[in-house]
N, C-alpha and C. Protein backbone atom coordinates (compact mmCIF):
# COMPACT_ATOMS: atom_id res chain seq x y z
N TRP A 1 -38.38 -8.04 38.56
CA TRP A 1 -38.21 -9.38 38.05
C TRP A 1 -37.90 -10.33 39.18
N HIS A 2 -37.11 -9.87 40.13
CA HIS A 2 -36.73 -10.73 41.25
C HIS A 2 -37.97 -11.16 42.02
N ARG A 3 -38.86 -10.24 42.30
CA ARG A 3 -40.09 -10.58 43.03
C ARG A 3 -40.95 -11.56 42.25
N LEU A 4 -41.07 -11.35 40.94
CA LEU A 4 -41.86 -12.26 40.12
C LEU A 4 -41.24 -13.66 40.12
N LEU A 5 -39.94 -13.72 39.97
CA LEU A 5 -39.28 -15.02 39.94
C LEU A 5 -39.45 -15.77 41.25
N THR A 6 -39.32 -15.07 42.36
CA THR A 6 -39.44 -15.75 43.65
C THR A 6 -40.87 -16.14 43.96
N SER A 7 -41.83 -15.63 43.20
CA SER A 7 -43.23 -16.04 43.39
C SER A 7 -43.51 -17.41 42.77
N VAL A 8 -42.60 -17.90 41.94
CA VAL A 8 -42.76 -19.20 41.30
C VAL A 8 -42.29 -20.28 42.28
N GLN A 9 -43.10 -21.33 42.43
CA GLN A 9 -42.75 -22.41 43.33
C GLN A 9 -41.42 -23.04 42.90
N GLY A 10 -40.51 -23.18 43.85
CA GLY A 10 -39.22 -23.79 43.57
C GLY A 10 -38.13 -22.78 43.25
N VAL A 11 -38.48 -21.50 43.16
CA VAL A 11 -37.49 -20.46 42.88
C VAL A 11 -37.30 -19.62 44.13
N GLY A 12 -36.11 -19.68 44.66
CA GLY A 12 -35.77 -18.86 45.81
C GLY A 12 -34.92 -17.69 45.37
N ALA A 13 -34.44 -16.95 46.36
CA ALA A 13 -33.65 -15.77 46.06
C ALA A 13 -32.37 -16.12 45.29
N LYS A 14 -31.73 -17.21 45.66
CA LYS A 14 -30.47 -17.59 45.02
C LYS A 14 -30.68 -17.94 43.55
N VAL A 15 -31.71 -18.75 43.27
CA VAL A 15 -32.00 -19.13 41.88
C VAL A 15 -32.43 -17.91 41.08
N SER A 16 -33.24 -17.04 41.70
CA SER A 16 -33.69 -15.84 41.02
C SER A 16 -32.51 -14.97 40.60
N LEU A 17 -31.58 -14.77 41.53
CA LEU A 17 -30.41 -13.95 41.21
C LEU A 17 -29.53 -14.61 40.17
N THR A 18 -29.45 -15.93 40.19
CA THR A 18 -28.67 -16.64 39.18
C THR A 18 -29.29 -16.47 37.80
N VAL A 19 -30.62 -16.60 37.72
CA VAL A 19 -31.32 -16.43 36.44
C VAL A 19 -31.13 -15.01 35.92
N LEU A 20 -31.32 -14.03 36.80
CA LEU A 20 -31.15 -12.63 36.39
C LEU A 20 -29.70 -12.33 36.02
N GLY A 21 -28.76 -12.95 36.71
CA GLY A 21 -27.35 -12.75 36.38
C GLY A 21 -26.98 -13.37 35.04
N THR A 22 -27.63 -14.48 34.71
CA THR A 22 -27.34 -15.17 33.46
C THR A 22 -28.00 -14.46 32.27
N LEU A 23 -29.29 -14.13 32.40
CA LEU A 23 -30.04 -13.57 31.27
C LEU A 23 -30.17 -12.05 31.30
N GLY A 24 -30.14 -11.46 32.46
CA GLY A 24 -30.44 -10.04 32.58
C GLY A 24 -31.94 -9.84 32.50
N ALA A 25 -32.40 -8.66 32.86
CA ALA A 25 -33.83 -8.37 32.89
C ALA A 25 -34.46 -8.45 31.49
N GLU A 26 -33.80 -7.83 30.51
CA GLU A 26 -34.35 -7.85 29.15
C GLU A 26 -34.37 -9.26 28.57
N GLY A 27 -33.30 -10.00 28.80
CA GLY A 27 -33.22 -11.37 28.29
C GLY A 27 -34.27 -12.26 28.92
N LEU A 28 -34.51 -12.10 30.22
CA LEU A 28 -35.53 -12.88 30.89
C LEU A 28 -36.91 -12.54 30.36
N GLY A 29 -37.18 -11.26 30.20
CA GLY A 29 -38.48 -10.85 29.66
C GLY A 29 -38.70 -11.39 28.26
N ARG A 30 -37.67 -11.34 27.44
CA ARG A 30 -37.77 -11.86 26.08
C ARG A 30 -37.99 -13.37 26.09
N ALA A 31 -37.26 -14.08 26.95
CA ALA A 31 -37.39 -15.54 27.02
C ALA A 31 -38.80 -15.94 27.46
N ILE A 32 -39.33 -15.25 28.44
CA ILE A 32 -40.68 -15.56 28.92
C ILE A 32 -41.71 -15.23 27.85
N ALA A 33 -41.57 -14.06 27.22
CA ALA A 33 -42.53 -13.66 26.18
C ALA A 33 -42.53 -14.63 25.01
N LEU A 34 -41.36 -15.16 24.66
CA LEU A 34 -41.27 -16.08 23.53
C LEU A 34 -41.51 -17.53 23.93
N GLY A 35 -41.65 -17.79 25.24
CA GLY A 35 -41.84 -19.16 25.70
C GLY A 35 -40.57 -19.98 25.59
N ASP A 36 -39.43 -19.32 25.63
CA ASP A 36 -38.13 -19.96 25.46
C ASP A 36 -37.59 -20.44 26.81
N TRP A 37 -38.10 -21.58 27.26
CA TRP A 37 -37.66 -22.08 28.56
C TRP A 37 -36.22 -22.58 28.51
N ALA A 38 -35.72 -22.88 27.33
CA ALA A 38 -34.32 -23.32 27.20
C ALA A 38 -33.36 -22.21 27.61
N ALA A 39 -33.74 -20.97 27.34
CA ALA A 39 -32.89 -19.84 27.75
C ALA A 39 -32.84 -19.74 29.27
N VAL A 40 -33.98 -19.93 29.91
CA VAL A 40 -34.03 -19.90 31.38
C VAL A 40 -33.23 -21.07 31.94
N ARG A 41 -33.26 -22.18 31.25
CA ARG A 41 -32.58 -23.41 31.66
C ARG A 41 -31.07 -23.22 31.74
N ARG A 42 -30.52 -22.28 30.98
CA ARG A 42 -29.07 -22.06 30.96
C ARG A 42 -28.51 -21.59 32.30
N ALA A 43 -29.38 -21.02 33.14
CA ALA A 43 -28.91 -20.56 34.46
C ALA A 43 -28.53 -21.75 35.32
N GLN A 44 -27.44 -21.63 36.01
CA GLN A 44 -26.95 -22.73 36.85
C GLN A 44 -27.97 -23.02 37.95
N GLY A 45 -28.29 -24.30 38.14
CA GLY A 45 -29.22 -24.71 39.18
C GLY A 45 -30.66 -24.74 38.74
N VAL A 46 -30.93 -24.46 37.45
CA VAL A 46 -32.30 -24.47 36.93
C VAL A 46 -32.44 -25.67 36.00
N GLY A 47 -33.30 -26.60 36.38
CA GLY A 47 -33.56 -27.77 35.56
C GLY A 47 -34.65 -27.49 34.55
N PRO A 48 -34.91 -28.45 33.66
CA PRO A 48 -35.92 -28.23 32.63
C PRO A 48 -37.33 -28.02 33.18
N LYS A 49 -37.69 -28.77 34.21
CA LYS A 49 -39.04 -28.61 34.78
C LYS A 49 -39.22 -27.24 35.42
N LEU A 50 -38.21 -26.79 36.15
CA LEU A 50 -38.30 -25.47 36.79
C LEU A 50 -38.32 -24.37 35.73
N ALA A 51 -37.52 -24.51 34.70
CA ALA A 51 -37.49 -23.51 33.63
C ALA A 51 -38.86 -23.42 32.95
N GLN A 52 -39.47 -24.57 32.69
CA GLN A 52 -40.80 -24.57 32.08
C GLN A 52 -41.83 -23.93 33.01
N ARG A 53 -41.73 -24.22 34.32
CA ARG A 53 -42.66 -23.65 35.29
C ARG A 53 -42.53 -22.13 35.34
N VAL A 54 -41.28 -21.63 35.30
CA VAL A 54 -41.04 -20.18 35.32
C VAL A 54 -41.71 -19.53 34.11
N VAL A 55 -41.49 -20.10 32.94
CA VAL A 55 -42.05 -19.52 31.72
C VAL A 55 -43.58 -19.57 31.74
N LEU A 56 -44.15 -20.70 32.14
CA LEU A 56 -45.61 -20.84 32.14
C LEU A 56 -46.28 -19.93 33.16
N GLU A 57 -45.71 -19.84 34.36
CA GLU A 57 -46.34 -19.04 35.41
C GLU A 57 -46.17 -17.54 35.20
N LEU A 58 -45.12 -17.14 34.51
CA LEU A 58 -44.85 -15.71 34.35
C LEU A 58 -45.24 -15.14 33.00
N LYS A 59 -45.72 -16.00 32.07
CA LYS A 59 -45.99 -15.48 30.72
C LYS A 59 -47.07 -14.41 30.70
N ASP A 60 -48.03 -14.45 31.62
CA ASP A 60 -49.06 -13.42 31.65
C ASP A 60 -48.64 -12.20 32.45
N LYS A 61 -47.65 -12.37 33.34
CA LYS A 61 -47.18 -11.26 34.16
C LYS A 61 -46.04 -10.50 33.49
N ALA A 62 -45.30 -11.14 32.62
CA ALA A 62 -44.12 -10.54 32.00
C ALA A 62 -44.43 -9.28 31.19
N PRO A 63 -45.52 -9.24 30.39
CA PRO A 63 -45.76 -8.02 29.61
C PRO A 63 -45.89 -6.77 30.46
N GLY A 64 -46.51 -6.89 31.62
CA GLY A 64 -46.64 -5.73 32.49
C GLY A 64 -45.30 -5.23 32.99
N VAL A 65 -44.41 -6.15 33.34
CA VAL A 65 -43.09 -5.77 33.82
C VAL A 65 -42.26 -5.23 32.66
N MET A 66 -42.41 -5.83 31.47
CA MET A 66 -41.68 -5.35 30.30
C MET A 66 -42.09 -3.92 29.96
N ALA A 67 -43.39 -3.63 30.11
CA ALA A 67 -43.88 -2.29 29.81
C ALA A 67 -43.31 -1.27 30.79
N LEU A 68 -43.07 -1.68 32.01
CA LEU A 68 -42.50 -0.77 33.00
C LEU A 68 -41.00 -0.69 32.93
N GLY A 69 -40.37 -1.62 32.22
CA GLY A 69 -38.92 -1.72 32.21
C GLY A 69 -38.19 -0.44 31.91
N GLY A 70 -38.69 0.36 30.97
CA GLY A 70 -38.01 1.59 30.62
C GLY A 70 -38.18 2.68 31.64
N ASP A 71 -39.19 2.56 32.51
CA ASP A 71 -39.45 3.60 33.49
C ASP A 71 -38.75 3.35 34.81
N LEU A 72 -38.04 2.23 34.94
CA LEU A 72 -37.41 1.90 36.20
C LEU A 72 -35.95 2.34 36.24
N THR A 73 -35.66 3.45 35.63
CA THR A 73 -34.29 3.95 35.63
C THR A 73 -34.20 5.15 36.56
N VAL A 74 -33.01 5.45 37.02
CA VAL A 74 -32.79 6.58 37.89
C VAL A 74 -32.06 7.63 37.09
N ASP A 75 -32.54 8.87 37.13
CA ASP A 75 -31.89 9.95 36.41
C ASP A 75 -30.80 10.53 37.30
N ALA A 76 -29.55 10.26 36.95
CA ALA A 76 -28.43 10.74 37.74
C ALA A 76 -27.99 12.13 37.30
N GLY A 77 -28.73 12.74 36.39
CA GLY A 77 -28.33 14.03 35.85
C GLY A 77 -28.68 15.22 36.72
N THR A 78 -29.49 15.04 37.75
CA THR A 78 -29.85 16.17 38.60
C THR A 78 -28.96 16.19 39.82
N GLY A 79 -28.41 17.34 40.11
CA GLY A 79 -27.53 17.48 41.26
C GLY A 79 -28.29 18.00 42.46
N ALA A 80 -27.63 18.03 43.61
CA ALA A 80 -28.27 18.47 44.84
C ALA A 80 -28.55 19.96 44.81
N GLY A 81 -27.83 20.72 43.99
CA GLY A 81 -28.01 22.16 43.96
C GLY A 81 -29.06 22.63 42.96
N ASP A 82 -29.76 21.73 42.30
CA ASP A 82 -30.77 22.14 41.33
C ASP A 82 -31.93 22.83 42.03
N ALA A 83 -32.41 23.90 41.42
CA ALA A 83 -33.52 24.65 42.01
C ALA A 83 -34.87 24.06 41.61
N GLU A 84 -34.88 23.16 40.65
CA GLU A 84 -36.14 22.59 40.18
C GLU A 84 -36.74 21.66 41.22
N GLU A 85 -38.05 21.53 41.17
CA GLU A 85 -38.76 20.62 42.06
C GLU A 85 -38.42 19.19 41.65
N PRO A 86 -38.07 18.32 42.60
CA PRO A 86 -37.74 16.93 42.23
C PRO A 86 -38.94 16.24 41.60
N GLY A 87 -38.67 15.47 40.55
CA GLY A 87 -39.73 14.71 39.90
C GLY A 87 -40.56 15.49 38.90
N ILE A 88 -40.30 16.80 38.76
CA ILE A 88 -41.05 17.60 37.81
C ILE A 88 -40.09 18.06 36.72
N GLU A 89 -40.41 17.68 35.49
CA GLU A 89 -39.56 18.09 34.39
C GLU A 89 -40.01 19.45 33.90
N PRO A 90 -39.07 20.32 33.60
CA PRO A 90 -39.45 21.61 33.04
C PRO A 90 -39.98 21.42 31.63
N GLY A 91 -40.87 22.29 31.21
CA GLY A 91 -41.45 22.22 29.87
C GLY A 91 -40.41 22.58 28.84
N PRO A 92 -40.61 22.14 27.58
CA PRO A 92 -39.64 22.47 26.54
C PRO A 92 -39.65 23.96 26.25
N SER A 93 -38.47 24.50 26.00
CA SER A 93 -38.39 25.92 25.69
C SER A 93 -38.82 26.16 24.26
N ALA A 94 -39.22 27.37 23.96
CA ALA A 94 -39.70 27.70 22.62
C ALA A 94 -38.58 27.56 21.60
N ALA A 95 -37.32 27.71 22.04
CA ALA A 95 -36.20 27.65 21.12
C ALA A 95 -35.69 26.23 20.91
N ALA A 96 -36.23 25.27 21.64
CA ALA A 96 -35.73 23.90 21.53
C ALA A 96 -36.10 23.29 20.18
N ALA A 97 -35.13 22.70 19.54
CA ALA A 97 -35.37 22.06 18.25
C ALA A 97 -35.96 20.68 18.47
N PRO A 98 -36.63 20.12 17.45
CA PRO A 98 -37.14 18.75 17.59
C PRO A 98 -36.00 17.79 17.89
N GLY A 99 -36.28 16.83 18.77
CA GLY A 99 -35.25 15.86 19.14
C GLY A 99 -34.32 16.38 20.21
N THR A 100 -34.67 17.52 20.80
CA THR A 100 -33.84 18.06 21.87
C THR A 100 -34.67 18.20 23.12
N GLY A 101 -34.01 18.26 24.21
CA GLY A 101 -34.68 18.42 25.50
C GLY A 101 -34.76 19.89 25.85
N PRO A 102 -35.08 20.19 27.11
CA PRO A 102 -35.17 21.58 27.55
C PRO A 102 -33.86 22.32 27.30
N GLY A 103 -33.96 23.55 26.82
CA GLY A 103 -32.78 24.35 26.57
C GLY A 103 -32.02 23.96 25.31
N GLY A 104 -32.58 23.06 24.50
CA GLY A 104 -31.95 22.68 23.25
C GLY A 104 -30.94 21.57 23.37
N ALA A 105 -30.75 21.01 24.57
CA ALA A 105 -29.80 19.91 24.74
C ALA A 105 -30.35 18.64 24.11
N ALA A 106 -29.48 17.87 23.49
CA ALA A 106 -29.93 16.64 22.83
C ALA A 106 -30.41 15.63 23.87
N ARG A 107 -31.55 14.97 23.59
CA ARG A 107 -32.06 13.91 24.46
C ARG A 107 -31.31 12.63 24.16
N PRO A 108 -31.00 11.85 25.17
CA PRO A 108 -30.36 10.57 24.90
C PRO A 108 -31.35 9.63 24.24
N PRO A 109 -30.90 8.72 23.39
CA PRO A 109 -31.82 7.79 22.75
C PRO A 109 -32.45 6.87 23.79
N ALA A 110 -33.64 6.39 23.48
CA ALA A 110 -34.34 5.50 24.40
C ALA A 110 -33.58 4.19 24.54
N SER A 111 -33.57 3.64 25.74
CA SER A 111 -32.90 2.36 25.96
C SER A 111 -33.73 1.26 25.32
N GLY A 112 -33.13 0.07 25.20
CA GLY A 112 -33.85 -1.06 24.63
C GLY A 112 -35.08 -1.40 25.43
N ALA A 113 -34.98 -1.36 26.76
CA ALA A 113 -36.13 -1.67 27.61
C ALA A 113 -37.22 -0.62 27.45
N GLN A 114 -36.82 0.63 27.34
CA GLN A 114 -37.81 1.70 27.18
C GLN A 114 -38.50 1.58 25.83
N SER A 115 -37.75 1.31 24.78
CA SER A 115 -38.34 1.14 23.44
C SER A 115 -39.30 -0.04 23.43
N ALA A 116 -38.90 -1.14 24.06
CA ALA A 116 -39.76 -2.31 24.11
C ALA A 116 -41.03 -2.02 24.90
N GLY A 117 -40.89 -1.31 26.00
CA GLY A 117 -42.06 -0.96 26.80
C GLY A 117 -43.02 -0.06 26.05
N GLU A 118 -42.48 0.91 25.32
CA GLU A 118 -43.32 1.81 24.54
C GLU A 118 -44.01 1.06 23.39
N ALA A 119 -43.27 0.16 22.74
CA ALA A 119 -43.86 -0.63 21.64
C ALA A 119 -44.94 -1.55 22.18
N LEU A 120 -44.70 -2.16 23.32
CA LEU A 120 -45.69 -3.04 23.94
C LEU A 120 -46.94 -2.25 24.30
N SER A 121 -46.77 -1.08 24.84
CA SER A 121 -47.91 -0.23 25.18
C SER A 121 -48.71 0.13 23.93
N ALA A 122 -48.02 0.47 22.86
CA ALA A 122 -48.70 0.83 21.62
C ALA A 122 -49.52 -0.34 21.08
N LEU A 123 -48.95 -1.54 21.09
CA LEU A 123 -49.66 -2.70 20.57
C LEU A 123 -50.87 -3.07 21.42
N THR A 124 -50.72 -2.96 22.74
CA THR A 124 -51.89 -3.27 23.59
C THR A 124 -52.96 -2.20 23.43
N ASN A 125 -52.56 -0.96 23.19
CA ASN A 125 -53.54 0.10 22.92
C ASN A 125 -54.25 -0.12 21.59
N LEU A 126 -53.60 -0.84 20.68
CA LEU A 126 -54.24 -1.16 19.40
C LEU A 126 -55.17 -2.36 19.52
N GLY A 127 -55.18 -3.00 20.69
CA GLY A 127 -56.13 -4.09 20.92
C GLY A 127 -55.53 -5.48 20.93
N TYR A 128 -54.22 -5.59 20.81
CA TYR A 128 -53.60 -6.92 20.87
C TYR A 128 -53.50 -7.36 22.32
N ALA A 129 -53.64 -8.65 22.55
CA ALA A 129 -53.49 -9.20 23.90
C ALA A 129 -52.05 -8.96 24.36
N SER A 130 -51.88 -8.69 25.64
CA SER A 130 -50.54 -8.34 26.13
C SER A 130 -49.53 -9.47 25.92
N SER A 131 -49.97 -10.72 26.03
CA SER A 131 -49.02 -11.82 25.85
C SER A 131 -48.56 -11.94 24.40
N GLU A 132 -49.50 -11.80 23.44
CA GLU A 132 -49.08 -11.89 22.04
C GLU A 132 -48.30 -10.65 21.61
N ALA A 133 -48.64 -9.49 22.17
CA ALA A 133 -47.89 -8.28 21.86
C ALA A 133 -46.47 -8.38 22.42
N ALA A 134 -46.34 -8.91 23.63
CA ALA A 134 -45.01 -9.06 24.24
C ALA A 134 -44.15 -10.03 23.44
N ALA A 135 -44.76 -11.11 22.96
CA ALA A 135 -44.01 -12.07 22.15
C ALA A 135 -43.53 -11.43 20.85
N ALA A 136 -44.40 -10.65 20.22
CA ALA A 136 -44.04 -10.00 18.95
C ALA A 136 -42.95 -8.96 19.16
N VAL A 137 -43.04 -8.18 20.24
CA VAL A 137 -42.03 -7.16 20.52
C VAL A 137 -40.70 -7.84 20.87
N ALA A 138 -40.75 -8.90 21.66
CA ALA A 138 -39.52 -9.61 22.02
C ALA A 138 -38.85 -10.20 20.80
N GLU A 139 -39.66 -10.74 19.89
CA GLU A 139 -39.12 -11.31 18.65
C GLU A 139 -38.49 -10.22 17.80
N ALA A 140 -39.16 -9.07 17.70
CA ALA A 140 -38.63 -7.95 16.91
C ALA A 140 -37.35 -7.42 17.53
N GLN A 141 -37.31 -7.35 18.86
CA GLN A 141 -36.13 -6.85 19.54
C GLN A 141 -34.97 -7.83 19.44
N ALA A 142 -35.27 -9.12 19.38
CA ALA A 142 -34.22 -10.13 19.22
C ALA A 142 -33.56 -9.99 17.84
N ARG A 143 -34.37 -9.65 16.82
CA ARG A 143 -33.83 -9.46 15.48
C ARG A 143 -32.98 -8.21 15.37
N ASP A 144 -33.41 -7.13 16.05
CA ASP A 144 -32.69 -5.86 15.99
C ASP A 144 -32.67 -5.22 17.38
N PRO A 145 -31.68 -5.58 18.23
CA PRO A 145 -31.65 -5.09 19.60
C PRO A 145 -31.53 -3.57 19.73
N GLU A 146 -31.02 -2.90 18.71
CA GLU A 146 -30.83 -1.45 18.77
C GLU A 146 -32.00 -0.68 18.15
N ALA A 147 -33.08 -1.37 17.78
CA ALA A 147 -34.20 -0.71 17.10
C ALA A 147 -34.87 0.31 18.02
N ALA A 148 -35.26 1.41 17.43
CA ALA A 148 -36.01 2.44 18.15
C ALA A 148 -37.47 2.00 18.23
N THR A 149 -38.25 2.70 19.02
CA THR A 149 -39.65 2.34 19.25
C THR A 149 -40.44 2.19 17.95
N PRO A 150 -40.40 3.15 17.03
CA PRO A 150 -41.19 2.98 15.80
C PRO A 150 -40.81 1.73 15.01
N GLY A 151 -39.51 1.43 14.95
CA GLY A 151 -39.06 0.24 14.24
C GLY A 151 -39.55 -1.04 14.90
N LEU A 152 -39.54 -1.06 16.24
CA LEU A 152 -40.05 -2.23 16.97
C LEU A 152 -41.54 -2.42 16.71
N ILE A 153 -42.28 -1.33 16.71
CA ILE A 153 -43.73 -1.41 16.47
C ILE A 153 -44.00 -1.96 15.08
N ARG A 154 -43.30 -1.43 14.07
CA ARG A 154 -43.51 -1.91 12.69
C ARG A 154 -43.18 -3.40 12.57
N ALA A 155 -42.02 -3.80 13.13
CA ALA A 155 -41.62 -5.21 13.03
C ALA A 155 -42.59 -6.12 13.77
N ALA A 156 -43.06 -5.68 14.93
CA ALA A 156 -44.01 -6.48 15.71
C ALA A 156 -45.34 -6.58 14.97
N LEU A 157 -45.79 -5.50 14.37
CA LEU A 157 -47.05 -5.54 13.61
C LEU A 157 -46.93 -6.47 12.41
N ARG A 158 -45.77 -6.48 11.77
CA ARG A 158 -45.57 -7.41 10.65
C ARG A 158 -45.69 -8.86 11.11
N SER A 159 -45.13 -9.16 12.27
CA SER A 159 -45.20 -10.55 12.75
C SER A 159 -46.59 -10.89 13.26
N LEU A 160 -47.37 -9.91 13.66
CA LEU A 160 -48.74 -10.16 14.14
C LEU A 160 -49.76 -10.19 13.00
N ALA A 161 -49.36 -9.69 11.83
CA ALA A 161 -50.29 -9.65 10.69
C ALA A 161 -50.69 -11.05 10.27
N PRO A 162 -51.94 -11.21 9.87
CA PRO A 162 -52.39 -12.54 9.39
C PRO A 162 -51.56 -13.00 8.20
N LYS A 163 -51.16 -14.24 8.22
CA LYS A 163 -50.36 -14.80 7.13
C LYS A 163 -51.28 -15.35 6.04
N GLY A 164 -50.93 -15.05 4.82
CA GLY A 164 -51.69 -15.67 3.72
C GLY A 164 -52.47 -14.79 2.89
């Protein structure tokens, strides 16, 4: 997000960090997807013209970053003494129950960014334009921030359905 923000004319490192500090990555992505320049405007040092420029210039780039948002996490669960190859997950064991990871351990629930990224990917795979899919997912996530991926997809599809 920082790189994207600094690519906008008039946004330097200081303003970018202020915007990210005010909205956070998910909030910024949601604001851009919804065209909510007023949310960007809340950051100190950002005027209305700059906020509008940020939203307009990044609206086509935001869906791609939102889709990657869930994959940009670091797994702190592996220690230095692990015998497994780094970056390679072991396959599920035959005894693992549904909803569990390798060895039957429970998988942590998907984060909001990961759920949004997965929902965005599903909608674009269904043929929706990335900008309209991002707006629908952001709107659905704003209504229910704790929604899992299937719930986000359903809510986004409802908002994308033709009215009437």
